[in-house]
PDB file of N, CA and C in Angstrom:
ATOM      1  N   MET A   1       0.864  -1.179   0.000  1.00  0.00           N
ATOM      2  CA  MET A   1       0.000   0.000   0.000  1.00  0.00           C
ATOM      3  C   MET A   1       0.906   1.236   0.000  1.00  0.00           C
ATOM      4  N   THR A   2       0.606   2.151  -0.883  1.00  0.00           N
ATOM      5  CA  THR A   2       1.424   3.352  -0.969  1.00  0.00           C
ATOM      6  C   THR A   2       1.078   4.312   0.153  1.00  0.00           C
ATOM      7  N   THR A   3       1.941   5.273   0.342  1.00  0.00           N
ATOM      8  CA  THR A   3       1.731   6.257   1.407  1.00  0.00           C
ATOM      9  C   THR A   3       0.439   7.033   1.186  1.00  0.00           C
ATOM     10  N   SER A   4       0.170   7.434  -0.043  1.00  0.00           N
ATOM     11  CA  SER A   4      -1.052   8.200  -0.311  1.00  0.00           C
ATOM     12  C   SER A   4      -2.291   7.339  -0.076  1.00  0.00           C
ATOM     13  N   ALA A   5      -2.221   6.044  -0.357  1.00  0.00           N
ATOM     14  CA  ALA A   5      -3.355   5.151  -0.113  1.00  0.00           C
ATOM     15  C   ALA A   5      -3.593   5.000   1.386  1.00  0.00           C
ATOM     16  N   ARG A   6      -2.507   4.928   2.167  1.00  0.00           N
ATOM     17  CA  ARG A   6      -2.649   4.825   3.618  1.00  0.00           C
ATOM     18  C   ARG A   6      -3.274   6.091   4.198  1.00  0.00           C
ATOM     19  N   VAL A   7      -2.825   7.233   3.701  1.00  0.00           N
ATOM     20  CA  VAL A   7      -3.372   8.503   4.178  1.00  0.00           C
ATOM     21  C   VAL A   7      -4.862   8.584   3.840  1.00  0.00           C
ATOM     22  N   ALA A   8      -5.223   8.178   2.627  1.00  0.00           N
ATOM     23  CA  ALA A   8      -6.626   8.210   2.223  1.00  0.00           C
ATOM     24  C   ALA A   8      -7.458   7.249   3.076  1.00  0.00           C
ATOM     25  N   ALA A   9      -6.947   6.046   3.318  1.00  0.00           N
ATOM     26  CA  ALA A   9      -7.676   5.069   4.134  1.00  0.00           C
ATOM     27  C   ALA A   9      -7.837   5.570   5.567  1.00  0.00           C
ATOM     28  N   THR A  10      -6.791   6.171   6.107  1.00  0.00           N
ATOM     29  CA  THR A  10      -6.858   6.712   7.460  1.00  0.00           C
ATOM     30  C   THR A  10      -7.865   7.857   7.537  1.00  0.00           C
ATOM     31  N   ALA A  11      -7.882   8.715   6.529  1.00  0.00           N
ATOM     32  CA  ALA A  11      -8.834   9.834   6.506  1.00  0.00           C
ATOM     33  C   ALA A  11     -10.268   9.327   6.429  1.00  0.00           C
ATOM     34  N   ILE A  12     -10.508   8.334   5.592  1.00  0.00           N
ATOM     35  CA  ILE A  12     -11.859   7.777   5.463  1.00  0.00           C
ATOM     36  C   ILE A  12     -12.293   7.127   6.777  1.00  0.00           C
ATOM     37  N   ALA A  13     -11.397   6.365   7.397  1.00  0.00           N
ATOM     38  CA  ALA A  13     -11.727   5.729   8.676  1.00  0.00           C
ATOM     39  C   ALA A  13     -12.019   6.783   9.741  1.00  0.00           C
ATOM     40  N   GLY A  14     -11.256   7.861   9.746  1.00  0.00           N
ATOM     41  CA  GLY A  14     -11.489   8.940  10.712  1.00  0.00           C
ATOM     42  C   GLY A  14     -12.833   9.608  10.489  1.00  0.00           C
ATOM     43  N   MET A  15     -13.187   9.865   9.232  1.00  0.00           N
ATOM     44  CA  MET A  15     -14.485  10.483   8.949  1.00  0.00           C
ATOM     45  C   MET A  15     -15.641   9.567   9.347  1.00  0.00           C
ATOM     46  N   LEU A  16     -15.479   8.278   9.124  1.00  0.00           N
ATOM     47  CA  LEU A  16     -16.507   7.323   9.537  1.00  0.00           C
ATOM     48  C   LEU A  16     -16.674   7.333  11.050  1.00  0.00           C
ATOM     49  N   LEU A  17     -15.579   7.316  11.769  1.00  0.00           N
ATOM     50  CA  LEU A  17     -15.629   7.319  13.235  1.00  0.00           C
ATOM     51  C   LEU A  17     -16.298   8.580  13.756  1.00  0.00           C
ATOM     52  N   VAL A  18     -15.930   9.727  13.208  1.00  0.00           N
ATOM     53  CA  VAL A  18     -16.536  10.987  13.629  1.00  0.00           C
ATOM     54  C   VAL A  18     -18.028  10.995  13.317  1.00  0.00           C
ATOM     55  N   GLY A  19     -18.409  10.513  12.142  1.00  0.00           N
ATOM     56  CA  GLY A  19     -19.822  10.483  11.753  1.00  0.00           C
ATOM     57  C   GLY A  19     -20.641   9.572  12.642  1.00  0.00           C
ATOM     58  N   ILE A  20     -20.085   8.423  12.985  1.00  0.00           N
ATOM     59  CA  ILE A  20     -20.810   7.475  13.836  1.00  0.00           C
ATOM     60  C   ILE A  20     -20.989   8.033  15.239  1.00  0.00           C
ATOM     61  N   THR A  21     -19.933   8.569  15.824  1.00  0.00           N
ATOM     62  CA  THR A  21     -20.034   9.074  17.191  1.00  0.00           C
ATOM     63  C   THR A  21     -20.900  10.326  17.264  1.00  0.00           C
ATOM     64  N   ALA A  22     -20.887  11.159  16.233  1.00  0.00           N
ATOM     65  CA  ALA A  22     -21.732  12.356  16.238  1.00  0.00           C
ATOM     66  C   ALA A  22     -23.203  11.976  16.166  1.00  0.00           C
ATOM     67  N   GLY A  23     -23.524  10.903  15.487  1.00  0.00           N
ATOM     68  CA  GLY A  23     -24.909  10.463  15.380  1.00  0.00           C
ATOM     69  C   GLY A  23     -25.443   9.848  16.659  1.00  0.00           C
ATOM     70  N   CYS A  24     -24.581   9.478  17.564  1.00  0.00           N
ATOM     71  CA  CYS A  24     -24.993   8.815  18.798  1.00  0.00           C
ATOM     72  C   CYS A  24     -25.156   9.776  19.971  1.00  0.00           C
ATOM     73  N   THR A  25     -24.872  11.035  19.781  1.00  0.00           N
ATOM     74  CA  THR A  25     -24.960  11.974  20.886  1.00  0.00           C
ATOM     75  C   THR A  25     -26.293  12.715  20.855  1.00  0.00           C
ATOM     76  N   THR A  26     -26.800  13.049  22.026  1.00  0.00           N
ATOM     77  CA  THR A  26     -28.005  13.869  22.130  1.00  0.00           C
ATOM     78  C   THR A  26     -27.749  14.966  23.147  1.00  0.00           C
ATOM     79  N   SER A  27     -28.438  16.066  22.981  1.00  0.00           N
ATOM     80  CA  SER A  27     -28.303  17.160  23.930  1.00  0.00           C
ATOM     81  C   SER A  27     -29.135  16.845  25.173  1.00  0.00           C
ATOM     82  N   PRO A  28     -28.937  17.580  26.272  1.00  0.00           N
ATOM     83  CA  PRO A  28     -29.743  17.340  27.469  1.00  0.00           C
ATOM     84  C   PRO A  28     -31.244  17.522  27.217  1.00  0.00           C
ATOM     85  N   ALA A  29     -31.608  18.392  26.294  1.00  0.00           N
ATOM     86  CA  ALA A  29     -33.027  18.598  25.988  1.00  0.00           C
ATOM     87  C   ALA A  29     -33.556  17.523  25.047  1.00  0.00           C
ATOM     88  N   GLY A  30     -32.672  16.755  24.457  1.00  0.00           N
ATOM     89  CA  GLY A  30     -33.053  15.745  23.470  1.00  0.00           C
ATOM     90  C   GLY A  30     -34.055  14.719  23.971  1.00  0.00           C
ATOM     91  N   PRO A  31     -33.789  14.036  25.093  1.00  0.00           N
ATOM     92  CA  PRO A  31     -34.735  13.020  25.556  1.00  0.00           C
ATOM     93  C   PRO A  31     -36.135  13.583  25.815  1.00  0.00           C
ATOM     94  N   HIS A  32     -36.221  14.787  26.363  1.00  0.00           N
ATOM     95  CA  HIS A  32     -37.535  15.386  26.611  1.00  0.00           C
ATOM     96  C   HIS A  32     -38.255  15.649  25.290  1.00  0.00           C
ATOM     97  N   ALA A  33     -37.541  16.182  24.327  1.00  0.00           N
ATOM     98  CA  ALA A  33     -38.147  16.473  23.022  1.00  0.00           C
ATOM     99  C   ALA A  33     -38.587  15.192  22.327  1.00  0.00           C
ATOM    100  N   ILE A  34     -37.812  14.142  22.467  1.00  0.00           N
ATOM    101  CA  ILE A  34     -38.164  12.858  21.861  1.00  0.00           C
ATOM    102  C   ILE A  34     -39.427  12.297  22.513  1.00  0.00           C
ATOM    103  N   ARG A  35     -39.493  12.338  23.855  1.00  0.00           N
ATOM    104  CA  ARG A  35     -40.694  11.847  24.551  1.00  0.00           C
ATOM    105  C   ARG A  35     -41.919  12.650  24.147  1.00  0.00           C
ATOM    106  N   GLN A  36     -41.764  13.971  24.024  1.00  0.00           N
ATOM    107  CA  GLN A  36     -42.877  14.837  23.621  1.00  0.00           C
ATOM    108  C   GLN A  36     -43.349  14.486  22.212  1.00  0.00           C
ATOM    109  N   ALA A  37     -42.418  14.263  21.301  1.00  0.00           N
ATOM    110  CA  ALA A  37     -42.783  13.917  19.923  1.00  0.00           C
ATOM    111  C   ALA A  37     -43.525  12.588  19.873  1.00  0.00           C
ATOM    112  N   TRP A  38     -43.062  11.603  20.630  1.00  0.00           N
ATOM    113  CA  TRP A  38     -43.751  10.310  20.651  1.00  0.00           C
ATOM    114  C   TRP A  38     -45.148  10.445  21.260  1.00  0.00           C
ATOM    115  N   ALA A  39     -45.290  11.248  22.302  1.00  0.00           N
ATOM    116  CA  ALA A  39     -46.607  11.450  22.924  1.00  0.00           C
ATOM    117  C   ALA A  39     -47.578  12.100  21.932  1.00  0.00           C
ATOM    118  N   GLU A  40     -47.082  13.086  21.179  1.00  0.00           N
ATOM    119  CA  GLU A  40     -47.934  13.732  20.181  1.00  0.00           C
ATOM    120  C   GLU A  40     -48.323  12.749  19.083  1.00  0.00           C
ATOM    121  N   ARG A  41     -47.385  11.916  18.665  1.00  0.00           N
ATOM    122  CA  ARG A  41     -47.671  10.904  17.639  1.00  0.00           C
ATOM    123  C   ARG A  41     -48.707   9.903  18.142  1.00  0.00           C
ATOM    124  N   ASP A  42     -48.537   9.446  19.367  1.00  0.00           N
ATOM    125  CA  ASP A  42     -49.497   8.487  19.931  1.00  0.00           C
ATOM    126  C   ASP A  42     -50.880   9.100  20.065  1.00  0.00           C
ATOM    127  N   ALA A  43     -50.954  10.370  20.458  1.00  0.00           N
ATOM    128  CA  ALA A  43     -52.251  11.035  20.586  1.00  0.00           C
ATOM    129  C   ALA A  43     -52.935  11.156  19.228  1.00  0.00           C
ATOM    130  N   GLU A  44     -52.177  11.469  18.192  1.00  0.00           N
ATOM    131  CA  GLU A  44     -52.746  11.569  16.845  1.00  0.00           C
ATOM    132  C   GLU A  44     -53.236  10.212  16.355  1.00  0.00           C
ATOM    133  N   ARG A  45     -52.460   9.169  16.594  1.00  0.00           N
ATOM    134  CA  ARG A  45     -52.888   7.815  16.196  1.00  0.00           C
ATOM    135  C   ARG A  45     -54.161   7.411  16.945  1.00  0.00           C
ATOM    136  N   ASP A  46     -54.263   7.788  18.221  1.00  0.00           N
ATOM    137  CA  ASP A  46     -55.457   7.479  19.006  1.00  0.00           C
ATOM    138  C   ASP A  46     -56.670   8.202  18.427  1.00  0.00           C
ATOM    139  N   ARG A  47     -56.516   9.487  18.062  1.00  0.00           N
ATOM    140  CA  ARG A  47     -57.632  10.237  17.462  1.00  0.00           C
ATOM    141  C   ARG A  47     -58.072   9.615  16.147  1.00  0.00           C
ATOM    142  N   GLU A  48     -57.107   9.239  15.304  1.00  0.00           N
ATOM    143  CA  GLU A  48     -57.442   8.608  14.026  1.00  0.00           C
ATOM    144  C   GLU A  48     -58.169   7.287  14.235  1.00  0.00           C
ATOM    145  N   CYS A  49     -57.729   6.527  15.213  1.00  0.00           N
ATOM    146  CA  CYS A  49     -58.346   5.234  15.492  1.00  0.00           C
ATOM    147  C   CYS A  49     -59.777   5.416  15.998  1.00  0.00           C
ATOM    148  N   ARG A  50     -59.986   6.388  16.871  1.00  0.00           N
ATOM    149  CA  ARG A  50     -61.335   6.642  17.395  1.00  0.00           C
ATOM    150  C   ARG A  50     -62.281   7.111  16.292  1.00  0.00           C
ATOM    151  N   ARG A  51     -61.762   7.918  15.334  1.00  0.00           N
ATOM    152  CA  ARG A  51     -62.591   8.355  14.206  1.00  0.00           C
ATOM    153  C   ARG A  51     -63.045   7.162  13.368  1.00  0.00           C
ATOM    154  N   ALA A  52     -62.236   6.107  13.358  1.00  0.00           N
ATOM    155  CA  ALA A  52     -62.574   4.893  12.610  1.00  0.00           C
ATOM    156  C   ALA A  52     -63.334   3.894  13.486  1.00  0.00           C
ATOM    157  N   ASN A  53     -63.858   4.353  14.622  1.00  0.00           N
ATOM    158  CA  ASN A  53     -64.591   3.515  15.581  1.00  0.00           C
ATOM    159  C   ASN A  53     -63.750   2.342  16.080  1.00  0.00           C
ATOM    160  N   GLY A  54     -62.515   2.635  16.389  1.00  0.00           N
ATOM    161  CA  GLY A  54     -61.627   1.618  16.923  1.00  0.00           C
ATOM    162  C   GLY A  54     -61.095   2.033  18.285  1.00  0.00           C
ATOM    163  N   VAL A  55     -60.243   1.185  18.801  1.00  0.00           N
ATOM    164  CA  VAL A  55     -59.587   1.482  20.075  1.00  0.00           C
ATOM    165  C   VAL A  55     -58.105   1.147  19.896  1.00  0.00           C
ATOM    166  N   LEU A  56     -57.240   2.044  20.360  1.00  0.00           N
ATOM    167  CA  LEU A  56     -55.800   1.868  20.230  1.00  0.00           C
ATOM    168  C   LEU A  56     -55.307   1.020  21.380  1.00  0.00           C
ATOM    169  N   VAL A  57     -54.726  -0.139  21.050  1.00  0.00           N
ATOM    170  CA  VAL A  57     -54.202  -1.058  22.058  1.00  0.00           C
ATOM    171  C   VAL A  57     -52.769  -1.405  21.669  1.00  0.00           C
ATOM    172  N   ALA A  58     -51.833  -1.057  22.523  1.00  0.00           N
ATOM    173  CA  ALA A  58     -50.408  -1.359  22.298  1.00  0.00           C
ATOM    174  C   ALA A  58     -49.951  -0.916  20.913  1.00  0.00           C
ATOM    175  N   GLY A  59     -50.413   0.248  20.475  1.00  0.00           N
ATOM    176  CA  GLY A  59     -49.982   0.796  19.199  1.00  0.00           C
ATOM    177  C   GLY A  59     -50.746   0.311  17.994  1.00  0.00           C
ATOM    178  N   SER A  60     -51.729  -0.565  18.183  1.00  0.00           N
ATOM    179  CA  SER A  60     -52.514  -1.087  17.072  1.00  0.00           C
ATOM    180  C   SER A  60     -53.967  -0.655  17.230  1.00  0.00           C
ATOM    181  N   CYS A  61     -54.567  -0.267  16.123  1.00  0.00           N
ATOM    182  CA  CYS A  61     -55.974   0.130  16.144  1.00  0.00           C
ATOM    183  C   CYS A  61     -56.830  -1.108  15.922  1.00  0.00           C
ATOM    184  N   LEU A  62     -57.620  -1.452  16.923  1.00  0.00           N
ATOM    185  CA  LEU A  62     -58.480  -2.631  16.854  1.00  0.00           C
ATOM    186  C   LEU A  62     -59.933  -2.190  16.750  1.00  0.00           C
ATOM    187  N   PRO A  63     -60.737  -2.926  16.005  1.00  0.00           N
ATOM    188  CA  PRO A  63     -62.148  -2.564  15.911  1.00  0.00           C
ATOM    189  C   PRO A  63     -62.847  -2.742  17.256  1.00  0.00           C
ATOM    190  N   CYS A  64     -63.765  -1.823  17.539  1.00  0.00           N
ATOM    191  CA  CYS A  64     -64.542  -1.954  18.772  1.00  0.00           C
ATOM    192  C   CYS A  64     -65.503  -3.131  18.643  1.00  0.00           C
ATOM    193  N   PRO A  65     -65.671  -3.868  19.728  1.00  0.00           N
ATOM    194  CA  PRO A  65     -66.596  -5.025  19.691  1.00  0.00           C
ATOM    195  C   PRO A  65     -68.041  -4.591  19.567  1.00  0.00           C
TER     196      PRO A  65
END
């Protein structure tokens, strides 16, 4: 392997490492915002299910008996 190939491989590996670790970090406000987004999504799914005369159970809309 030539010197330029080693430098290129090292640079690519470094960029991959930085990209992976940056994607795994969240800010302190992150978990709260994520919980809020999921709660809003669940509430919307519940409203849609009720409009279809169903009941939301464990994330699935089931027909009312």
